[in-house]
Amino acid sequence: MKENRTAVIVLNWNGAPDTLACLASLAKVSHPDFATVVVDNGSTDGSVELVRRAFPGVEVVGLPRNLGFAAGCNAGFAALRGRGFDTVVFLNNDTIVDEGFLEPLVEALREPWNGIAVPKILYMDDPGRIWYAGGIVVRGTGLIAHRGIRMPDGPEFSVAGPTRYATGCCLSMRSADFEALGGFDEGFLMYGEDVDLSLRVREMGQVVRYEPASRIWHRVSASSGGELSLGRQLRKSRAALRIMRRHRMWRGLLLYPLLLPFRSAASLLKLAIFNRARVRKARRA
C-alpha cells in the first residue's frame, strides 16, 4: 500500500507555551511519514524563536500579522502546495495528541467517500470527559453543537461513523480535496469556518467521519461558561447566520434568533448542574 505523506499544520498566535507542549506531544507520534508545520499569525511573544530553538526540525511559516484562523490555515496550506503531501491535518495549538492519533485519521481518508476525518476530543483538565464526539447540525432549527460535550467518555462515544461536522480544533483532509474546495472561507472572521467546510464536503457527496480511535486533549475548562459570554455568543451567532444563508437553511435562519435565548438558558442550566455535581464529588473524595 502506498505510504501517505501527511502535514500537520499548527496555527499559533502568541501562544508559545501551548504550542511548545503541543509540539512535544507531536514529537512522540508513531506515524512513518509526517511533517509538522507551525504557522505563526504575527505573534509578538517570541513564539517563532522559541519554536525554532526547541524544535529545529519543525518548519515555521511566519505571517506578518494576525490573519485569523481561516486565512492562517489557508496560508499554511499554500506554503505546502506542490510538495507532495497527500493529507493535511489542521490542529489547534492548545491541544495534546495521543501518540497514535494520526494513523486512524490517515486510514479513514484512504476510503474515497470519507472527505474529512475528525478525532475524539477530550478536556485536558478532565481527561476522561468529552469535549467533542461528533458534530450536530439541525438544518430546520439552526442548531449547531458538539455531541457529548461534558459527558464522561464511554462506549457510546467510541463508535466510528458519519457525523454532521468536524471541529476545526483538529480535522484532516486529503490535500487535493481541500484545494478543490478552496480551503476555509476567510469571510468567517471567527467561528463557523469548520462547519461551513464540513457542509461543503457533504454537499460534494462525501462523508465527515468521526474516528474515536484517534484521541486528543483540548485545553479548555470543562467547568467554565466562557463559551456562553455575550461577546462569544454574538460572534457565534453571526457565524451561524452566515452558514445558514450560504447553505440555504432557510427555516433555521428564521428560527435561530427565536430559539437562541432558550438554548442559552438550557446551556447555562446544564453547566450549573455539571459544576454542582463536580463540587459534590470533590467533597466526597
C-alpha atoms as a PDB file:
ATOM      1  CA  MET A   1       0.000   0.000   0.000  1.00  0.00           C
ATOM      2  CA  LYS A   2       1.320   3.439  -0.941  1.00  0.00           C
ATOM      3  CA  GLU A   3       2.680   5.385   2.012  1.00  0.00           C
ATOM      4  CA  ASN A   4       0.792   8.569   2.800  1.00  0.00           C
ATOM      5  CA  ARG A   5       2.700  11.814   3.276  1.00  0.00           C
ATOM      6  CA  THR A   6       0.957  13.964   5.852  1.00  0.00           C
ATOM      7  CA  ALA A   7       1.447  17.530   7.036  1.00  0.00           C
ATOM      8  CA  VAL A   8       0.182  18.611  10.458  1.00  0.00           C
ATOM      9  CA  ILE A   9      -0.416  22.368  10.487  1.00  0.00           C
ATOM     10  CA  VAL A  10      -0.437  24.004  13.925  1.00  0.00           C
ATOM     11  CA  LEU A  11      -1.649  27.604  13.997  1.00  0.00           C
ATOM     12  CA  ASN A  12      -0.069  29.818  16.663  1.00  0.00           C
ATOM     13  CA  TRP A  13      -0.756  33.341  17.817  1.00  0.00           C
ATOM     14  CA  ASN A  14       1.052  34.497  20.965  1.00  0.00           C
ATOM     15  CA  GLY A  15       0.637  31.038  22.451  1.00  0.00           C
ATOM     16  CA  ALA A  16       4.202  29.814  22.862  1.00  0.00           C
ATOM     17  CA  PRO A  17       3.672  27.633  25.992  1.00  0.00           C
ATOM     18  CA  ASP A  18       0.699  25.835  24.455  1.00  0.00           C
ATOM     19  CA  THR A  19       2.423  25.437  21.098  1.00  0.00           C
ATOM     20  CA  LEU A  20       5.594  24.009  22.641  1.00  0.00           C
ATOM     21  CA  ALA A  21       3.546  21.470  24.633  1.00  0.00           C
ATOM     22  CA  CYS A  22       1.598  20.532  21.505  1.00  0.00           C
ATOM     23  CA  LEU A  23       4.806  20.058  19.505  1.00  0.00           C
ATOM     24  CA  ALA A  24       6.295  17.923  22.283  1.00  0.00           C
ATOM     25  CA  SER A  25       3.288  15.574  22.013  1.00  0.00           C
ATOM     26  CA  LEU A  26       3.545  15.509  18.210  1.00  0.00           C
ATOM     27  CA  ALA A  27       7.205  14.523  18.520  1.00  0.00           C
ATOM     28  CA  LYS A  28       6.031  11.229  20.078  1.00  0.00           C
ATOM     29  CA  VAL A  29       3.533  10.389  17.334  1.00  0.00           C
ATOM     30  CA  SER A  30       4.002   6.966  15.766  1.00  0.00           C
ATOM     31  CA  HIS A  31       3.487   7.575  12.067  1.00  0.00           C
ATOM     32  CA  PRO A  32       6.161   6.876   9.450  1.00  0.00           C
ATOM     33  CA  ASP A  33       5.886   9.908   7.213  1.00  0.00           C
ATOM     34  CA  PHE A  34       4.554  13.191   8.517  1.00  0.00           C
ATOM     35  CA  ALA A  35       5.858  16.714   8.893  1.00  0.00           C
ATOM     36  CA  THR A  36       4.830  19.328  11.417  1.00  0.00           C
ATOM     37  CA  VAL A  37       4.428  22.929  10.295  1.00  0.00           C
ATOM     38  CA  VAL A  38       3.785  25.818  12.653  1.00  0.00           C
ATOM     39  CA  VAL A  39       2.025  28.794  11.093  1.00  0.00           C
ATOM     40  CA  ASP A  40       2.695  31.847  13.222  1.00  0.00           C
ATOM     41  CA  ASN A  41      -0.001  34.501  12.914  1.00  0.00           C
ATOM     42  CA  GLY A  42       2.183  37.544  13.553  1.00  0.00           C
ATOM     43  CA  SER A  43       2.998  36.744  17.194  1.00  0.00           C
ATOM     44  CA  THR A  44       4.787  39.266  19.387  1.00  0.00           C
ATOM     45  CA  ASP A  45       5.679  36.912  22.271  1.00  0.00           C
ATOM     46  CA  GLY A  46       8.810  35.417  20.701  1.00  0.00           C
ATOM     47  CA  SER A  47       6.962  32.271  19.616  1.00  0.00           C
ATOM     48  CA  VAL A  48       8.896  31.851  16.374  1.00  0.00           C
ATOM     49  CA  GLU A  49      12.304  31.936  18.057  1.00  0.00           C
ATOM     50  CA  LEU A  50      11.182  29.647  20.877  1.00  0.00           C
ATOM     51  CA  VAL A  51       9.764  27.051  18.473  1.00  0.00           C
ATOM     52  CA  ARG A  52      12.832  27.092  16.238  1.00  0.00           C
ATOM     53  CA  ARG A  53      15.128  26.708  19.224  1.00  0.00           C
ATOM     54  CA  ALA A  54      13.175  23.881  20.867  1.00  0.00           C
ATOM     55  CA  PHE A  55      12.151  22.034  17.681  1.00  0.00           C
ATOM     56  CA  PRO A  56      14.670  22.738  14.905  1.00  0.00           C
ATOM     57  CA  GLY A  57      13.096  20.057  12.720  1.00  0.00           C
ATOM     58  CA  VAL A  58       9.716  21.794  12.673  1.00  0.00           C
ATOM     59  CA  GLU A  59       9.066  24.150   9.767  1.00  0.00           C
ATOM     60  CA  VAL A  60       7.794  27.601  10.735  1.00  0.00           C
ATOM     61  CA  VAL A  61       5.754  29.739   8.363  1.00  0.00           C
ATOM     62  CA  GLY A  62       5.797  33.287   9.710  1.00  0.00           C
ATOM     63  CA  LEU A  63       2.968  35.622   8.742  1.00  0.00           C
ATOM     64  CA  PRO A  64       3.422  39.407   9.048  1.00  0.00           C
ATOM     65  CA  ARG A  65       0.219  39.901  11.077  1.00  0.00           C
ATOM     66  CA  ASN A  66      -2.673  38.005  12.618  1.00  0.00           C
ATOM     67  CA  LEU A  67      -4.820  36.869   9.689  1.00  0.00           C
ATOM     68  CA  GLY A  68      -7.264  34.893  11.828  1.00  0.00           C
ATOM     69  CA  PHE A  69      -7.967  31.173  11.846  1.00  0.00           C
ATOM     70  CA  ALA A  70      -9.228  30.595   8.303  1.00  0.00           C
ATOM     71  CA  ALA A  71      -6.669  32.732   6.495  1.00  0.00           C
ATOM     72  CA  GLY A  72      -3.838  31.498   8.725  1.00  0.00           C
ATOM     73  CA  CYS A  73      -4.651  27.865   7.977  1.00  0.00           C
ATOM     74  CA  ASN A  74      -5.014  28.617   4.266  1.00  0.00           C
ATOM     75  CA  ALA A  75      -1.625  30.352   4.258  1.00  0.00           C
ATOM     76  CA  GLY A  76      -0.038  27.314   5.892  1.00  0.00           C
ATOM     77  CA  PHE A  77      -1.597  25.025   3.318  1.00  0.00           C
ATOM     78  CA  ALA A  78      -0.433  27.302   0.472  1.00  0.00           C
ATOM     79  CA  ALA A  79       3.142  27.029   1.747  1.00  0.00           C
ATOM     80  CA  LEU A  80       2.935  23.241   1.324  1.00  0.00           C
ATOM     81  CA  ARG A  81       1.424  23.279  -2.151  1.00  0.00           C
ATOM     82  CA  GLY A  82       3.330  21.162  -4.674  1.00  0.00           C
ATOM     83  CA  ARG A  83       5.448  19.409  -2.045  1.00  0.00           C
ATOM     84  CA  GLY A  84       3.790  16.012  -2.243  1.00  0.00           C
ATOM     85  CA  PHE A  85       1.675  15.974   0.905  1.00  0.00           C
ATOM     86  CA  ASP A  86      -1.298  13.674   0.373  1.00  0.00           C
ATOM     87  CA  THR A  87      -3.071  14.574   3.623  1.00  0.00           C
ATOM     88  CA  VAL A  88      -3.277  17.713   5.724  1.00  0.00           C
ATOM     89  CA  VAL A  89      -4.264  17.888   9.399  1.00  0.00           C
ATOM     90  CA  PHE A  90      -5.234  21.216  10.973  1.00  0.00           C
ATOM     91  CA  LEU A  91      -4.581  21.172  14.719  1.00  0.00           C
ATOM     92  CA  ASN A  92      -5.164  23.774  17.424  1.00  0.00           C
ATOM     93  CA  ASN A  93      -2.025  24.710  19.313  1.00  0.00           C
ATOM     94  CA  ASP A  94      -3.769  24.320  22.709  1.00  0.00           C
ATOM     95  CA  THR A  95      -4.001  20.554  22.326  1.00  0.00           C
ATOM     96  CA  ILE A  96      -2.036  17.476  23.319  1.00  0.00           C
ATOM     97  CA  VAL A  97      -2.252  14.488  20.991  1.00  0.00           C
ATOM     98  CA  ASP A  98      -2.133  10.772  21.690  1.00  0.00           C
ATOM     99  CA  GLU A  99       0.887   9.145  20.083  1.00  0.00           C
ATOM    100  CA  GLY A 100      -1.438   7.062  17.913  1.00  0.00           C
ATOM    101  CA  PHE A 101      -3.798   9.886  16.919  1.00  0.00           C
ATOM    102  CA  LEU A 102      -2.619  10.281  13.332  1.00  0.00           C
ATOM    103  CA  GLU A 103      -2.927   6.786  11.867  1.00  0.00           C
ATOM    104  CA  PRO A 104      -6.744   6.413  12.225  1.00  0.00           C
ATOM    105  CA  LEU A 105      -7.281   9.777  10.539  1.00  0.00           C
ATOM    106  CA  VAL A 106      -4.993   8.904   7.639  1.00  0.00           C
ATOM    107  CA  GLU A 107      -6.516   5.426   7.262  1.00  0.00           C
ATOM    108  CA  ALA A 108     -10.069   6.826   7.209  1.00  0.00           C
ATOM    109  CA  LEU A 109      -9.133   9.046   4.267  1.00  0.00           C
ATOM    110  CA  ARG A 110      -7.994   6.064   2.219  1.00  0.00           C
ATOM    111  CA  GLU A 111     -11.704   5.453   1.654  1.00  0.00           C
ATOM    112  CA  PRO A 112     -12.753   7.840  -1.153  1.00  0.00           C
ATOM    113  CA  TRP A 113     -16.184   8.548   0.340  1.00  0.00           C
ATOM    114  CA  ASN A 114     -14.660   9.998   3.534  1.00  0.00           C
ATOM    115  CA  GLY A 115     -13.928  13.667   2.898  1.00  0.00           C
ATOM    116  CA  ILE A 116     -12.938  14.677   6.437  1.00  0.00           C
ATOM    117  CA  ALA A 117     -11.776  12.603   9.393  1.00  0.00           C
ATOM    118  CA  VAL A 118     -12.013  14.044  12.900  1.00  0.00           C
ATOM    119  CA  PRO A 119     -10.842  12.605  16.245  1.00  0.00           C
ATOM    120  CA  LYS A 120     -12.423  12.213  19.646  1.00  0.00           C
ATOM    121  CA  ILE A 121     -11.509  15.311  21.689  1.00  0.00           C
ATOM    122  CA  LEU A 122     -11.416  15.326  25.475  1.00  0.00           C
ATOM    123  CA  TYR A 123     -10.881  18.039  28.068  1.00  0.00           C
ATOM    124  CA  MET A 124      -7.267  18.453  29.095  1.00  0.00           C
ATOM    125  CA  ASP A 125      -8.279  19.383  32.662  1.00  0.00           C
ATOM    126  CA  ASP A 126     -10.661  16.393  32.865  1.00  0.00           C
ATOM    127  CA  PRO A 127      -9.128  13.775  30.544  1.00  0.00           C
ATOM    128  CA  GLY A 128     -11.968  11.283  30.795  1.00  0.00           C
ATOM    129  CA  ARG A 129     -14.633  13.770  29.754  1.00  0.00           C
ATOM    130  CA  ILE A 130     -15.822  14.519  26.206  1.00  0.00           C
ATOM    131  CA  TRP A 131     -15.423  17.925  24.572  1.00  0.00           C
ATOM    132  CA  TYR A 132     -16.273  16.687  21.054  1.00  0.00           C
ATOM    133  CA  ALA A 133     -17.562  13.282  19.933  1.00  0.00           C
ATOM    134  CA  GLY A 134     -19.155  14.381  16.688  1.00  0.00           C
ATOM    135  CA  GLY A 135     -20.981  17.444  15.433  1.00  0.00           C
ATOM    136  CA  ILE A 136     -24.712  18.136  15.396  1.00  0.00           C
ATOM    137  CA  VAL A 137     -26.318  20.292  12.705  1.00  0.00           C
ATOM    138  CA  VAL A 138     -30.113  20.530  12.544  1.00  0.00           C
ATOM    139  CA  ARG A 139     -30.992  22.422   9.393  1.00  0.00           C
ATOM    140  CA  GLY A 140     -34.605  23.035  10.408  1.00  0.00           C
ATOM    141  CA  THR A 141     -33.807  24.834  13.668  1.00  0.00           C
ATOM    142  CA  GLY A 142     -30.266  26.089  13.093  1.00  0.00           C
ATOM    143  CA  LEU A 143     -28.847  24.050  15.986  1.00  0.00           C
ATOM    144  CA  ILE A 144     -25.065  23.610  15.739  1.00  0.00           C
ATOM    145  CA  ALA A 145     -23.475  21.807  18.685  1.00  0.00           C
ATOM    146  CA  HIS A 146     -20.929  19.268  19.881  1.00  0.00           C
ATOM    147  CA  ARG A 147     -22.177  15.771  20.604  1.00  0.00           C
ATOM    148  CA  GLY A 148     -21.346  14.536  24.099  1.00  0.00           C
ATOM    149  CA  ILE A 149     -19.909  17.763  25.471  1.00  0.00           C
ATOM    150  CA  ARG A 150     -19.030  17.464  29.211  1.00  0.00           C
ATOM    151  CA  MET A 151     -20.230  13.857  29.356  1.00  0.00           C
ATOM    152  CA  PRO A 152     -17.966  11.068  30.669  1.00  0.00           C
ATOM    153  CA  ASP A 153     -16.270   9.149  27.892  1.00  0.00           C
ATOM    154  CA  GLY A 154     -17.844   5.766  27.293  1.00  0.00           C
ATOM    155  CA  PRO A 155     -18.774   3.091  24.740  1.00  0.00           C
ATOM    156  CA  GLU A 156     -21.368   5.272  23.004  1.00  0.00           C
ATOM    157  CA  PHE A 157     -18.612   7.746  22.084  1.00  0.00           C
ATOM    158  CA  SER A 158     -16.225   5.045  20.877  1.00  0.00           C
ATOM    159  CA  VAL A 159     -18.075   4.057  17.693  1.00  0.00           C
ATOM    160  CA  ALA A 160     -16.714   5.391  14.414  1.00  0.00           C
ATOM    161  CA  GLY A 161     -19.117   6.683  11.806  1.00  0.00           C
ATOM    162  CA  PRO A 162     -20.528   9.654   9.903  1.00  0.00           C
ATOM    163  CA  THR A 163     -21.123  12.909  11.729  1.00  0.00           C
ATOM    164  CA  ARG A 164     -22.575  16.261  10.706  1.00  0.00           C
ATOM    165  CA  TYR A 165     -19.490  18.438  11.063  1.00  0.00           C
ATOM    166  CA  ALA A 166     -15.860  18.355  12.113  1.00  0.00           C
ATOM    167  CA  THR A 167     -14.455  20.843  14.567  1.00  0.00           C
ATOM    168  CA  GLY A 168     -11.525  22.977  13.443  1.00  0.00           C
ATOM    169  CA  CYS A 169      -9.768  22.067  16.679  1.00  0.00           C
ATOM    170  CA  CYS A 170      -8.495  19.068  14.718  1.00  0.00           C
ATOM    171  CA  LEU A 171      -9.567  17.808  11.326  1.00  0.00           C
ATOM    172  CA  SER A 172      -7.876  16.003   8.468  1.00  0.00           C
ATOM    173  CA  MET A 173      -8.494  16.053   4.722  1.00  0.00           C
ATOM    174  CA  ARG A 174      -6.906  14.907   1.517  1.00  0.00           C
ATOM    175  CA  SER A 175      -4.883  17.826   0.221  1.00  0.00           C
ATOM    176  CA  ALA A 176      -6.494  17.543  -3.211  1.00  0.00           C
ATOM    177  CA  ASP A 177      -9.979  17.889  -1.709  1.00  0.00           C
ATOM    178  CA  PHE A 178      -9.036  20.869   0.450  1.00  0.00           C
ATOM    179  CA  GLU A 179      -7.529  22.521  -2.623  1.00  0.00           C
ATOM    180  CA  ALA A 180     -10.586  21.758  -4.767  1.00  0.00           C
ATOM    181  CA  LEU A 181     -12.909  23.337  -2.194  1.00  0.00           C
ATOM    182  CA  GLY A 182     -10.785  26.477  -1.945  1.00  0.00           C
ATOM    183  CA  GLY A 183      -9.835  25.874   1.688  1.00  0.00           C
ATOM    184  CA  PHE A 184     -11.509  27.591   4.613  1.00  0.00           C
ATOM    185  CA  ASP A 185     -13.814  30.503   3.788  1.00  0.00           C
ATOM    186  CA  GLU A 186     -11.935  33.561   5.014  1.00  0.00           C
ATOM    187  CA  GLY A 187     -15.195  35.503   5.190  1.00  0.00           C
ATOM    188  CA  PHE A 188     -15.758  33.869   8.583  1.00  0.00           C
ATOM    189  CA  LEU A 189     -13.952  36.249  10.909  1.00  0.00           C
ATOM    190  CA  MET A 190     -14.259  33.941  13.922  1.00  0.00           C
ATOM    191  CA  TYR A 191     -16.137  30.643  14.342  1.00  0.00           C
ATOM    192  CA  GLY A 192     -18.079  28.738  11.700  1.00  0.00           C
ATOM    193  CA  GLU A 193     -15.254  28.033   9.233  1.00  0.00           C
ATOM    194  CA  ASP A 194     -15.177  24.379  10.231  1.00  0.00           C
ATOM    195  CA  VAL A 195     -18.950  23.896   9.977  1.00  0.00           C
ATOM    196  CA  ASP A 196     -19.022  25.587   6.575  1.00  0.00           C
ATOM    197  CA  LEU A 197     -16.144  23.436   5.285  1.00  0.00           C
ATOM    198  CA  SER A 198     -17.859  20.293   6.578  1.00  0.00           C
ATOM    199  CA  LEU A 199     -21.136  21.188   4.879  1.00  0.00           C
ATOM    200  CA  ARG A 200     -19.340  21.861   1.606  1.00  0.00           C
ATOM    201  CA  VAL A 201     -17.647  18.459   1.854  1.00  0.00           C
ATOM    202  CA  ARG A 202     -21.010  16.798   2.455  1.00  0.00           C
ATOM    203  CA  GLU A 203     -22.612  18.721  -0.421  1.00  0.00           C
ATOM    204  CA  MET A 204     -19.826  17.296  -2.602  1.00  0.00           C
ATOM    205  CA  GLY A 205     -21.177  13.824  -1.764  1.00  0.00           C
ATOM    206  CA  GLN A 206     -18.559  12.859   0.795  1.00  0.00           C
ATOM    207  CA  VAL A 207     -18.792  11.940   4.472  1.00  0.00           C
ATOM    208  CA  VAL A 208     -17.436  13.654   7.579  1.00  0.00           C
ATOM    209  CA  ARG A 209     -16.188  10.684   9.604  1.00  0.00           C
ATOM    210  CA  TYR A 210     -15.777  10.640  13.374  1.00  0.00           C
ATOM    211  CA  GLU A 211     -12.782   8.462  14.303  1.00  0.00           C
ATOM    212  CA  PRO A 212     -12.703   7.819  18.088  1.00  0.00           C
ATOM    213  CA  ALA A 213      -9.581   5.639  17.804  1.00  0.00           C
ATOM    214  CA  SER A 214      -7.830   8.973  17.276  1.00  0.00           C
ATOM    215  CA  ARG A 215      -7.741  10.985  20.513  1.00  0.00           C
ATOM    216  CA  ILE A 216      -6.537  14.416  21.513  1.00  0.00           C
ATOM    217  CA  TRP A 217      -6.990  16.629  24.582  1.00  0.00           C
ATOM    218  CA  HIS A 218      -8.021  20.271  24.366  1.00  0.00           C
ATOM    219  CA  ARG A 219      -7.064  22.925  26.914  1.00  0.00           C
ATOM    220  CA  VAL A 220     -10.459  24.396  27.676  1.00  0.00           C
ATOM    221  CA  SER A 221     -12.055  24.201  31.102  1.00  0.00           C
ATOM    222  CA  ALA A 222     -14.970  21.791  31.450  1.00  0.00           C
ATOM    223  CA  SER A 223     -16.346  23.900  34.310  1.00  0.00           C
ATOM    224  CA  SER A 224     -16.130  27.242  32.501  1.00  0.00           C
ATOM    225  CA  GLY A 225     -19.071  29.011  30.939  1.00  0.00           C
ATOM    226  CA  GLY A 226     -16.814  31.236  28.850  1.00  0.00           C
ATOM    227  CA  GLU A 227     -18.389  29.990  25.633  1.00  0.00           C
ATOM    228  CA  LEU A 228     -21.680  31.470  26.881  1.00  0.00           C
ATOM    229  CA  SER A 229     -20.353  35.006  27.316  1.00  0.00           C
ATOM    230  CA  LEU A 230     -22.248  37.704  25.449  1.00  0.00           C
ATOM    231  CA  GLY A 231     -19.352  38.577  23.143  1.00  0.00           C
ATOM    232  CA  ARG A 232     -18.741  34.985  22.158  1.00  0.00           C
ATOM    233  CA  GLN A 233     -22.444  34.327  21.681  1.00  0.00           C
ATOM    234  CA  LEU A 234     -22.676  37.297  19.316  1.00  0.00           C
ATOM    235  CA  ARG A 235     -19.676  36.117  17.276  1.00  0.00           C
ATOM    236  CA  LYS A 236     -21.001  32.566  17.109  1.00  0.00           C
ATOM    237  CA  SER A 237     -24.463  33.796  16.151  1.00  0.00           C
ATOM    238  CA  ARG A 238     -23.062  35.945  13.342  1.00  0.00           C
ATOM    239  CA  ALA A 239     -21.166  32.911  12.016  1.00  0.00           C
ATOM    240  CA  ALA A 240     -24.220  30.650  12.345  1.00  0.00           C
ATOM    241  CA  LEU A 241     -26.404  33.052  10.368  1.00  0.00           C
ATOM    242  CA  ARG A 242     -23.762  33.230   7.635  1.00  0.00           C
ATOM    243  CA  ILE A 243     -23.675  29.414   7.479  1.00  0.00           C
ATOM    244  CA  MET A 244     -27.449  29.193   7.204  1.00  0.00           C
ATOM    245  CA  ARG A 245     -27.602  31.776   4.425  1.00  0.00           C
ATOM    246  CA  ARG A 246     -24.777  30.155   2.485  1.00  0.00           C
ATOM    247  CA  HIS A 247     -26.227  26.655   2.748  1.00  0.00           C
ATOM    248  CA  ARG A 248     -29.872  27.670   2.245  1.00  0.00           C
ATOM    249  CA  MET A 249     -31.055  26.623   5.688  1.00  0.00           C
ATOM    250  CA  TRP A 250     -33.996  28.996   5.422  1.00  0.00           C
ATOM    251  CA  ARG A 251     -36.135  27.549   8.184  1.00  0.00           C
ATOM    252  CA  GLY A 252     -33.175  27.505  10.529  1.00  0.00           C
ATOM    253  CA  LEU A 253     -32.380  31.088   9.593  1.00  0.00           C
ATOM    254  CA  LEU A 254     -35.881  32.094  10.675  1.00  0.00           C
ATOM    255  CA  LEU A 255     -35.990  30.067  13.892  1.00  0.00           C
ATOM    256  CA  TYR A 256     -32.411  30.558  15.101  1.00  0.00           C
ATOM    257  CA  PRO A 257     -32.904  34.039  16.657  1.00  0.00           C
ATOM    258  CA  LEU A 258     -36.154  32.919  18.303  1.00  0.00           C
ATOM    259  CA  LEU A 259     -34.635  29.774  19.833  1.00  0.00           C
ATOM    260  CA  LEU A 260     -31.273  31.248  20.860  1.00  0.00           C
ATOM    261  CA  PRO A 261     -32.396  32.591  24.296  1.00  0.00           C
ATOM    262  CA  PHE A 262     -33.860  29.190  25.210  1.00  0.00           C
ATOM    263  CA  ARG A 263     -30.734  27.359  24.073  1.00  0.00           C
ATOM    264  CA  SER A 264     -28.508  29.707  26.057  1.00  0.00           C
ATOM    265  CA  ALA A 265     -30.646  29.253  29.163  1.00  0.00           C
ATOM    266  CA  ALA A 266     -30.562  25.465  28.746  1.00  0.00           C
ATOM    267  CA  SER A 267     -26.771  25.516  28.343  1.00  0.00           C
ATOM    268  CA  LEU A 268     -26.352  27.618  31.489  1.00  0.00           C
ATOM    269  CA  LEU A 269     -28.602  25.240  33.427  1.00  0.00           C
ATOM    270  CA  LYS A 270     -26.642  22.196  32.242  1.00  0.00           C
ATOM    271  CA  LEU A 271     -23.373  23.911  33.179  1.00  0.00           C
ATOM    272  CA  ALA A 272     -24.696  24.752  36.658  1.00  0.00           C
ATOM    273  CA  ILE A 273     -25.827  21.142  37.207  1.00  0.00           C
ATOM    274  CA  PHE A 274     -22.469  19.854  35.971  1.00  0.00           C
ATOM    275  CA  ASN A 275     -20.497  22.141  38.289  1.00  0.00           C
ATOM    276  CA  ARG A 276     -22.705  21.294  41.269  1.00  0.00           C
ATOM    277  CA  ALA A 277     -22.077  17.587  40.645  1.00  0.00           C
ATOM    278  CA  ARG A 278     -18.314  18.214  40.459  1.00  0.00           C
ATOM    279  CA  VAL A 279     -18.353  20.076  43.778  1.00  0.00           C
ATOM    280  CA  ARG A 280     -20.269  17.247  45.451  1.00  0.00           C
ATOM    281  CA  LYS A 281     -17.871  14.665  44.069  1.00  0.00           C
ATOM    282  CA  ALA A 282     -14.868  16.686  45.278  1.00  0.00           C
ATOM    283  CA  ARG A 283     -16.350  16.939  48.795  1.00  0.00           C
ATOM    284  CA  ARG A 284     -16.873  13.175  48.956  1.00  0.00           C
ATOM    285  CA  ALA A 285     -13.320  12.461  47.808  1.00  0.00           C
END
